[in-house]
Protein backbone atom coordinates (compact mmCIF):
# COMPACT_ATOMS: atom_id res chain seq x y z
CA UNK A 1 189.27 78.55 165.89
CA UNK A 2 187.84 82.27 165.81
CA UNK A 3 188.68 82.52 169.86
CA UNK A 4 192.09 81.32 169.28
CA UNK A 5 192.62 83.55 166.58
CA UNK A 6 191.68 86.32 168.51
CA UNK A 7 193.76 85.62 171.15
CA UNK A 8 196.68 84.70 169.50
CA UNK A 9 196.52 88.18 167.74
CA UNK A 10 196.10 90.33 170.64
CA UNK A 11 198.89 88.20 172.15
CA UNK A 12 200.99 89.33 169.32
CA UNK A 13 200.07 93.07 169.23
CA UNK A 14 201.03 93.13 172.90
CA UNK A 15 204.36 91.70 172.28
CA UNK A 16 204.90 93.82 169.50
CA UNK A 17 204.20 96.95 171.22
CA UNK A 18 205.92 96.11 174.33
CA UNK A 19 208.90 95.36 171.73
CA UNK A 20 208.38 98.71 170.57
CA UNK A 21 208.45 100.58 173.51
CA UNK A 22 211.91 98.92 174.82
CA UNK A 23 213.67 99.79 171.77
CA UNK A 24 214.00 103.50 172.79
CA UNK A 25 214.55 102.96 176.86
CA UNK A 26 217.87 103.76 178.07
CA UNK A 27 218.95 102.50 181.79
CA UNK A 28 217.65 104.89 184.29
CA UNK A 29 214.88 106.57 181.72
CA UNK A 30 211.21 106.94 182.37
CA UNK A 31 208.45 104.13 181.02
CA UNK A 32 206.14 105.80 178.90
CA UNK A 33 203.57 103.49 180.32
CA UNK A 34 203.80 103.55 184.27
CA UNK A 35 205.73 106.88 184.23
CA UNK A 36 208.54 105.36 186.73
CA UNK A 37 212.64 105.20 186.54
CA UNK A 38 213.70 102.18 184.47
CA UNK A 39 216.78 100.95 186.33
CA UNK A 40 217.55 98.44 183.91
CA UNK A 41 215.87 98.06 180.33
CA UNK A 42 215.45 94.12 180.22
CA UNK A 43 216.66 92.29 177.11
CA UNK A 44 214.52 91.98 173.95
CA UNK A 45 213.76 88.56 173.43
CA UNK A 46 214.99 87.26 170.04
CA UNK A 47 211.70 85.70 169.28
CA UNK A 48 209.99 88.50 169.95
CA UNK A 49 211.24 90.85 167.08
CA UNK A 50 209.04 93.15 165.38
CA UNK A 51 209.19 90.99 162.23
CA UNK A 52 207.98 88.29 163.73
CA UNK A 53 205.57 90.02 165.79
CA UNK A 54 204.36 91.79 162.39
CA UNK A 55 203.55 88.44 160.96
CA UNK A 56 202.35 86.67 164.15
CA UNK A 57 199.54 89.72 163.66
CA UNK A 58 198.86 89.05 159.76
CA UNK A 59 199.06 85.53 160.26
CA UNK A 60 196.22 85.84 163.14
CA UNK A 61 193.91 88.83 161.39
CA UNK A 62 193.82 86.33 158.22
CA UNK A 63 193.10 83.53 160.58
CA UNK A 64 190.51 85.95 162.25
CA UNK A 65 188.62 86.71 158.42
CA UNK A 66 188.31 83.01 157.21
CA UNK A 67 186.84 81.95 160.91
CA UNK A 68 184.58 85.17 160.30
CA UNK A 69 183.84 84.06 156.62
CA UNK A 70 183.04 80.48 157.96
CA UNK A 71 180.90 81.61 160.89
CA UNK A 72 179.00 83.91 158.01
CA UNK A 73 179.21 81.00 155.68
CA UNK A 74 177.19 78.81 158.21
CA UNK A 75 175.10 81.23 159.65
CA UNK A 76 173.69 81.85 155.81
CA UNK A 77 173.00 78.11 155.48
CA UNK A 78 171.69 78.14 158.66
CA UNK A 79 169.02 80.86 157.71
CA UNK A 80 168.25 79.20 154.43
CA UNK A 81 167.92 75.95 156.24
CA UNK A 82 165.29 77.94 158.85
CA UNK A 83 163.51 79.15 155.96
CA UNK A 84 163.32 75.73 154.10
CA UNK A 85 161.95 74.39 157.49
CA UNK A 86 159.17 77.15 157.56
CA UNK A 87 157.81 76.47 153.97
CA UNK A 88 157.97 72.69 154.83
CA UNK A 89 155.88 72.98 157.97
CA UNK A 90 153.53 75.40 156.17
CA UNK A 91 153.26 72.67 153.39
CA UNK A 92 153.12 70.12 155.62
CA UNK A 93 150.10 72.06 157.19
CA UNK A 94 148.49 72.56 154.02
CA UNK A 95 148.73 69.09 153.37
CA UNK A 96 147.26 68.12 156.74
CA UNK A 97 144.45 70.48 156.23
CA UNK A 98 144.18 69.06 152.35
CA UNK A 99 144.04 65.53 153.77
CA UNK A 100 141.51 66.12 156.63
CA UNK A 101 138.84 67.37 153.88
CA UNK A 102 140.02 64.92 151.60
CA UNK A 103 139.55 62.09 154.81
CA UNK A 104 135.55 64.06 155.34
CA UNK A 105 134.74 63.83 151.76
CA UNK A 106 135.62 60.30 151.58
CA UNK A 107 133.96 59.42 155.10
CA UNK A 108 130.88 58.30 153.68
CA UNK A 109 132.34 57.32 149.88
CA UNK A 110 132.03 53.80 148.53
CA UNK A 111 134.63 51.29 148.47
CA UNK A 112 137.28 50.28 145.21
CA UNK A 113 135.00 47.21 144.07
CA UNK A 114 131.74 49.76 144.18
CA UNK A 115 133.69 52.39 142.38
CA UNK A 116 135.00 50.01 139.80
CA UNK A 117 131.39 48.98 139.09
CA UNK A 118 130.08 52.00 138.75
CA UNK A 119 132.75 53.08 136.71
CA UNK A 120 132.05 50.12 134.16
CA UNK A 121 128.53 50.75 134.40
CA UNK A 122 129.23 54.31 133.74
CA UNK A 123 131.58 53.42 130.30
CA UNK A 124 128.77 50.88 129.31
CA UNK A 125 125.95 53.63 129.79
CA UNK A 126 128.31 56.16 127.62
CA UNK A 127 129.02 53.31 124.70
CA UNK A 128 125.05 52.90 124.68
CA UNK A 129 124.57 56.92 124.56
CA UNK A 130 126.87 56.86 121.84
CA UNK A 131 125.47 54.20 119.86
CA UNK A 132 121.90 55.83 120.82
CA UNK A 133 123.37 59.18 118.97
CA UNK A 134 124.59 57.44 115.98
CA UNK A 135 121.12 55.63 115.47
CA UNK A 136 119.66 59.13 116.46
CA UNK A 137 121.58 60.78 113.38
CA UNK A 138 120.27 57.82 111.33
CA UNK A 139 116.92 58.41 112.30
CA UNK A 140 117.06 61.97 111.46
CA UNK A 141 118.90 61.40 108.09
CA UNK A 142 115.86 59.13 107.26
CA UNK A 143 113.41 61.67 108.86
CA UNK A 144 114.94 64.20 106.41
CA UNK A 145 114.64 62.07 103.24
CA UNK A 146 111.26 61.03 104.44
CA UNK A 147 110.20 64.79 104.51
CA UNK A 148 111.75 65.68 101.28
CA UNK A 149 109.93 62.44 99.61
CA UNK A 150 106.66 64.08 101.18
CA UNK A 151 107.51 67.29 100.04
CA UNK A 152 107.88 65.79 96.34
CA UNK A 153 104.91 63.84 96.64
CA UNK A 154 102.98 67.11 98.19
CA UNK A 155 104.24 68.79 95.16
CA UNK A 156 103.35 66.11 92.69
CA UNK A 157 100.13 66.15 94.31
CA UNK A 158 99.32 70.26 93.99
CA UNK A 159 100.20 69.76 90.09
CA UNK A 160 97.79 67.39 89.85
CA UNK A 161 94.83 69.29 91.69
CA UNK A 162 95.65 72.41 89.66
CA UNK A 163 95.15 69.97 86.46
CA UNK A 164 91.82 68.77 87.91
CA UNK A 165 91.03 72.46 88.76
CA UNK A 166 91.77 73.46 85.32
CA UNK A 167 89.71 70.85 83.41
CA UNK A 168 86.83 71.11 85.83
CA UNK A 169 86.75 75.19 85.19
CA UNK A 170 86.67 74.47 81.93
CA UNK A 171 83.29 72.21 82.37
CA UNK A 172 81.76 74.61 85.00
CA UNK A 173 79.48 76.15 82.45
CA UNK A 174 77.98 72.67 82.30
CA UNK A 175 77.36 72.28 85.88
CA UNK A 176 79.99 69.44 87.18
CA UNK A 177 79.51 68.03 90.91
CA UNK A 178 80.92 68.99 93.68
CA UNK A 179 84.15 66.78 94.26
CA UNK A 180 85.80 65.66 97.86
CA UNK A 181 89.07 67.69 98.37
CA UNK A 182 90.20 64.84 100.41
CA UNK A 183 90.43 62.31 97.31
CA UNK A 184 92.11 63.13 94.22
CA UNK A 185 91.47 59.69 92.97
CA UNK A 186 88.14 59.93 94.00
CA UNK A 187 87.50 63.50 92.35
CA UNK A 188 89.00 61.95 89.28
CA UNK A 189 86.59 59.11 88.67
CA UNK A 190 83.66 61.24 89.85
CA UNK A 191 84.41 64.15 87.27
CA UNK A 192 85.11 60.79 84.41
CA UNK A 193 81.86 59.49 85.72
CA UNK A 194 79.82 62.74 85.23
CA UNK A 195 81.51 64.08 82.15
CA UNK A 196 80.45 60.12 80.54
CA UNK A 197 76.97 60.67 81.75
CA UNK A 198 76.28 64.16 80.61
CA UNK A 199 77.77 63.07 77.38
CA UNK A 200 74.73 60.62 76.94
CA UNK A 201 72.59 62.64 78.44
CA UNK A 202 73.40 65.58 75.92
CA UNK A 203 73.45 63.58 72.86
CA UNK A 204 70.04 62.00 73.90
CA UNK A 205 68.68 65.85 74.46
CA UNK A 206 69.90 66.64 71.06
CA UNK A 207 67.04 65.64 69.00
CA UNK A 208 64.80 67.61 71.52
CA UNK A 209 67.05 70.91 71.55
CA UNK A 210 66.57 70.66 67.58
CA UNK A 211 62.81 71.01 68.40
CA UNK A 212 62.67 73.38 70.97
CA UNK A 213 65.18 75.88 68.69
CA UNK A 214 62.32 75.18 65.88
CA UNK A 215 59.34 76.14 68.42
CA UNK A 216 61.61 79.26 69.64
CA UNK A 217 61.96 80.42 66.08
CA UNK A 218 57.88 80.45 65.22
CA UNK A 219 57.69 82.06 68.36
CA UNK A 220 59.89 84.84 67.43
CA UNK A 221 57.89 84.91 64.07
CA UNK A 222 54.35 84.96 66.05
CA UNK A 223 56.11 87.92 68.16
CA UNK A 224 56.99 90.07 65.42
CA UNK A 225 53.35 89.47 63.78
CA UNK A 226 52.01 90.73 67.03
CA UNK A 227 54.41 93.35 67.49
CA UNK A 228 52.98 94.71 64.13
CA UNK A 229 49.48 94.29 65.02
CA UNK A 230 50.19 96.63 67.78
CA UNK A 231 52.19 99.63 65.81
CA UNK A 232 49.49 99.49 63.21
CA UNK A 233 46.67 99.82 66.35
CA UNK A 234 48.90 102.71 67.71
CA UNK A 235 49.03 104.32 64.34
CA UNK A 236 52.65 103.82 63.58
CA UNK A 237 53.10 103.22 59.83
CA UNK A 238 53.79 99.66 58.99
CA UNK A 239 57.84 99.33 57.96
CA UNK A 240 59.67 96.18 56.59
CA UNK A 241 61.48 96.74 60.25
CA UNK A 242 59.10 96.72 63.07
CA UNK A 243 61.63 96.52 65.82
CA UNK A 244 62.94 99.87 64.67
CA UNK A 245 59.26 101.17 64.60
CA UNK A 246 58.91 99.68 68.18
CA UNK A 247 62.00 101.84 69.33
CA UNK A 248 60.69 104.84 67.76
CA UNK A 249 57.87 104.92 69.35
CA UNK A 250 59.28 103.58 72.52
CA UNK A 251 61.43 106.79 72.01
CA UNK A 252 58.22 109.17 71.73
CA UNK A 253 56.76 107.53 74.58
CA UNK A 254 59.62 108.12 76.79
CA UNK A 255 59.67 111.69 75.44
CA UNK A 256 56.34 112.40 76.44
CA UNK A 257 57.39 110.75 80.18
CA UNK A 258 59.88 113.36 80.46
CA UNK A 259 57.39 115.94 79.90
CA UNK A 260 55.50 114.79 82.56
CA UNK A 261 57.83 114.53 84.88
CA UNK A 262 58.98 117.89 84.33
CA UNK A 263 55.93 119.11 84.61
CA UNK A 264 55.34 117.29 87.89
CA UNK A 265 59.28 118.63 89.12
CA UNK A 266 57.60 122.52 88.24
CA UNK A 267 54.46 121.74 90.60
CA UNK A 268 56.55 120.74 93.32
CA UNK A 269 58.68 123.93 93.24
CA UNK A 270 55.94 125.90 93.25
CA UNK A 271 54.74 124.40 96.27
CA UNK A 272 58.04 124.90 97.96
CA UNK A 273 57.36 128.76 96.56
CA UNK A 274 54.21 128.83 98.21
CA UNK A 275 55.25 127.13 101.57
CA UNK A 276 58.33 129.69 101.67
CA UNK A 277 56.25 132.47 100.98
CA UNK A 278 53.57 131.40 103.73
CA UNK A 279 56.83 131.32 105.82
CA UNK A 280 57.74 134.73 105.47
CA UNK A 281 54.13 135.99 105.93
CA UNK A 282 54.67 134.40 109.40
CA UNK A 283 58.14 136.14 109.84
CA UNK A 284 56.32 139.85 108.40
CA UNK A 285 53.48 139.40 111.06
CA UNK A 286 55.62 138.24 113.64
CA UNK A 287 58.13 141.16 112.59
CA UNK A 288 55.31 143.55 112.50
CA UNK A 289 54.52 142.35 116.17
CA UNK A 290 57.68 142.88 117.32
CA UNK A 291 58.25 146.63 115.59
CA UNK A 292 55.59 148.03 117.83
CA UNK A 293 56.47 151.06 119.49
CA UNK A 294 56.57 148.48 123.06
CA UNK A 295 58.49 145.62 121.77
CA UNK A 296 60.74 147.01 119.10
CA UNK A 297 63.58 148.34 121.54
CA UNK A 298 63.43 145.29 123.42
CA UNK A 299 63.54 142.73 120.62
CA UNK A 300 66.37 144.87 119.06
CA UNK A 301 68.31 144.63 122.18
CA UNK A 302 67.84 141.10 122.42
CA UNK A 303 68.74 140.61 118.84
CA UNK A 304 72.19 142.45 119.43
CA UNK A 305 72.89 140.63 122.87
CA UNK A 306 72.22 137.27 121.07
CA UNK A 307 74.80 138.14 118.39
CA UNK A 308 76.94 139.57 120.91
CA UNK A 309 77.04 136.40 122.97
CA UNK A 310 77.44 134.04 119.74
CA UNK A 311 80.38 135.72 118.56
CA UNK A 312 81.78 136.08 121.99
CA UNK A 313 81.02 132.19 122.60
CA UNK A 314 83.26 131.59 119.16
CA UNK A 315 86.03 133.26 120.41
CA UNK A 316 86.07 132.04 124.16
CA UNK A 317 86.10 128.09 122.73
CA UNK A 318 88.98 128.86 120.71
CA UNK A 319 90.80 130.58 124.11
CA UNK A 320 89.50 127.71 126.23
CA UNK A 321 90.65 124.81 123.98
CA UNK A 322 87.13 123.81 122.92
CA UNK A 323 86.05 123.83 126.83
CA UNK A 324 83.56 126.91 127.12
CA UNK A 325 80.13 128.22 125.20
CA UNK A 326 78.89 131.42 126.33
CA UNK A 327 75.22 131.93 126.85
CA UNK A 328 72.88 134.00 128.48
CA UNK A 329 69.63 133.97 129.97
CA UNK A 330 67.37 136.70 131.29
CA UNK A 331 70.28 139.14 131.63
CA UNK A 332 72.80 136.68 133.22
CA UNK A 333 75.64 135.22 131.52
CA UNK A 334 76.51 131.68 131.89
CA UNK A 335 79.15 129.00 131.03
CA UNK A 336 78.73 125.50 129.22
CA UNK A 337 81.33 123.34 130.29
CA UNK A 338 82.28 120.40 127.77
CA UNK A 339 84.85 119.06 130.05
CA UNK A 340 82.18 118.29 132.62
CA UNK A 341 79.61 116.85 130.03
CA UNK A 342 77.98 119.98 129.27
CA UNK A 343 77.15 121.36 132.59
CA UNK A 344 75.83 125.07 132.87
CA UNK A 345 76.96 127.38 135.61
CA UNK A 346 77.05 131.02 135.99
CA UNK A 347 80.65 132.98 135.00
CA UNK A 348 80.87 133.86 138.89
CA UNK A 349 82.25 130.34 139.17
CA UNK A 350 85.13 131.05 136.61
CA UNK A 351 88.87 131.32 138.00
CA UNK A 352 90.71 134.60 137.39
CA UNK A 353 92.33 133.19 133.99
CA UNK A 354 88.69 132.14 133.11
CA UNK A 355 86.93 135.00 133.92
CA UNK A 356 89.74 137.27 132.10
CA UNK A 357 89.21 134.91 128.69
CA UNK A 358 85.31 135.48 128.77
CA UNK A 359 85.85 138.93 129.25
CA UNK A 360 88.28 139.28 126.47
CA UNK A 361 85.96 137.06 124.10
CA UNK A 362 83.24 139.74 125.05
CA UNK A 363 85.41 142.78 123.90
CA UNK A 364 86.68 141.31 121.06
CA UNK A 365 83.06 140.01 119.72
CA UNK A 366 81.93 143.41 120.61
CA UNK A 367 84.79 144.78 118.37
CA UNK A 368 83.78 143.03 115.69
CA UNK A 369 79.83 143.72 115.46
CA UNK A 370 80.07 147.13 116.61
CA UNK A 371 79.73 148.59 113.18
CA UNK A 372 76.68 146.45 112.83
CA UNK A 373 75.14 147.40 115.78
CA UNK A 374 75.75 151.11 115.60
CA UNK A 375 73.33 153.55 113.20
CA UNK A 376 76.38 155.51 111.83
CA UNK A 377 79.56 154.00 109.95
CA UNK A 378 81.07 153.37 113.06
CA UNK A 379 83.98 151.01 113.25
CA UNK A 380 86.21 150.09 116.15
CA UNK A 381 89.72 150.20 114.67
CA UNK A 382 91.96 150.12 117.99
CA UNK A 383 91.86 147.64 120.80
CA UNK A 384 93.47 148.26 123.80
CA UNK A 385 93.77 145.83 126.85
CA UNK A 386 95.02 146.93 129.86
CA UNK A 387 97.08 144.53 132.15
CA UNK A 388 94.52 141.08 133.39
CA UNK A 389 97.15 138.89 131.81
CA UNK A 390 98.71 138.35 135.56
CA UNK A 391 96.17 135.36 136.41
CA UNK A 392 96.87 133.17 133.59
CA UNK A 393 98.87 130.10 133.19
CA UNK A 394 101.45 129.99 131.10
CA UNK A 395 99.15 127.67 128.39
CA UNK A 396 96.46 129.96 128.52
CA UNK A 397 98.67 133.09 128.24
CA UNK A 398 100.05 131.61 124.98
CA UNK A 399 96.53 130.87 123.54
CA UNK A 400 95.67 134.52 124.53
CA UNK A 401 98.54 135.82 122.96
CA UNK A 402 98.30 133.40 119.49
CA UNK A 403 94.32 135.08 119.22
CA UNK A 404 95.79 138.93 119.76
CA UNK A 405 98.33 138.13 117.22
CA UNK A 406 95.66 136.46 114.76
CA UNK A 407 93.43 139.55 115.50
CA UNK A 408 96.09 142.13 114.48
CA UNK A 409 97.50 139.91 111.56
CA UNK A 410 94.15 140.84 109.78
CA UNK A 411 95.13 144.06 109.07
CA UNK A 412 92.16 145.82 109.78
CA UNK A 413 92.51 146.34 113.60
CA UNK A 414 95.23 147.65 115.93
CA UNK A 415 95.32 146.34 118.65
CA UNK A 416 97.41 147.40 121.79
CA UNK A 417 98.16 145.67 125.27
CA UNK A 418 99.79 147.33 128.47
CA UNK A 419 101.31 144.97 130.66
CA UNK A 420 104.20 143.88 132.77
CA UNK A 421 104.37 140.14 131.90
CA UNK A 422 107.93 139.83 129.73
CA UNK A 423 106.41 136.69 128.47
CA UNK A 424 103.75 138.11 126.56
CA UNK A 425 105.49 141.58 126.19
CA UNK A 426 108.19 139.83 123.80
CA UNK A 427 105.65 137.93 121.57
CA UNK A 428 104.78 141.60 120.59
CA UNK A 429 106.54 143.05 117.60
CA UNK A 430 106.12 146.47 118.34
CA UNK A 431 106.55 147.61 121.80
CA UNK A 432 107.04 150.84 123.88
CA UNK A 433 108.79 149.95 126.80
CA UNK A 434 108.72 152.83 129.84
CA UNK A 435 111.84 152.65 131.43
CA UNK A 436 112.48 155.07 134.49
CA UNK A 437 115.23 156.15 136.78
CA UNK A 438 115.42 157.73 140.25
CA UNK A 439 114.74 161.29 138.08
CA UNK A 440 112.81 160.84 134.93
CA UNK A 441 110.90 158.20 132.81
CA UNK A 442 111.34 157.82 129.20
CA UNK A 443 109.42 155.57 126.34
CA UNK A 444 111.89 153.81 124.14
CA UNK A 445 110.35 151.96 120.57
CA UNK A 446 111.57 148.52 120.15
CA UNK A 447 110.71 146.05 117.80
CA UNK A 448 109.95 146.17 114.16
């Protein structure tokens, strides 16, 4: 239809153009298409007028548009069907794959009758499980009630035991028998039997006890008479109250005993004083030997060195964290390493920082003891330490700085430090910093 409409449209358009060319032509004119002289212009057909051609063209165009719209609609429908076909094929492939997987899974599956039997057995087991769960709940409830009853019974048993213990404690002075703590009834029975027998025994022994009391009173009278005789023999005046007289005599005897004890202690003190005097005499004899011209100087130097090493050892122990003690033997210095089982070794084995610590300890000890070692009223009021801090690690440097701060904080000595170590310089409260440039150097005071 579309092709026929196109052909009709083209034919009508060609006819219309031909008719339009014929209208202005005259005989003998030149044809505008072929440029030839037209001898005679053909007559215009009656059915090929311009209006008819125009109407035919419109009809052909309408038919063409309708045919084109129909083609487009059919093409759209065909594309929709194509998409539906592709989706259906994809779904078919998925279903085929799923069917193949199901077939593979069900390859070894049981028959429907067996499955029905298994389902029936499953239902029966589920019913039994439900009944068992109900029975378990009932059993738990019964157990809970039983536990409550047991707890109540145990509480009553504890109350009964407390009552039994209170009763037995009231009879403790009479010595009741040991009871079985596992059987309350047996314990009560044993205690009751013992109480009955004890009452009978006490009643039977009442007469004997009355006789014993009478005998005891007679003995008291005899003792009082005997005490009176002893007081009379001791020269104590007889009184109506012999007990008081005996107490007075006892007090006098105790006073005499205290006096004897005091004299004995005094004798002991005198013996100790005598021993002290004897030791002092020995020291005096030894000192006399040391004070001879050939021994005094050596003894004095040894004593000074001993004091110096003792003081330096105390300072070194503080600087080294209780690791080293300083000792000397025949003019040689040694350290005792407490971190190595008290090993004694020479000071030459110390590291650079440890050697500085030992030297600082000796210098500080010398400063402390200078006044005592001098024959005049000399004192070391200033100490200047020049370098030596660069060999110390951070922890040791902090310990040395803290020691110097404590030394300066006493107020009786000025401590000066010459150092290039910034960490130590920052801890010094008053500093004189030397600053140099290309031309000169200057000293600036910083700090407090």
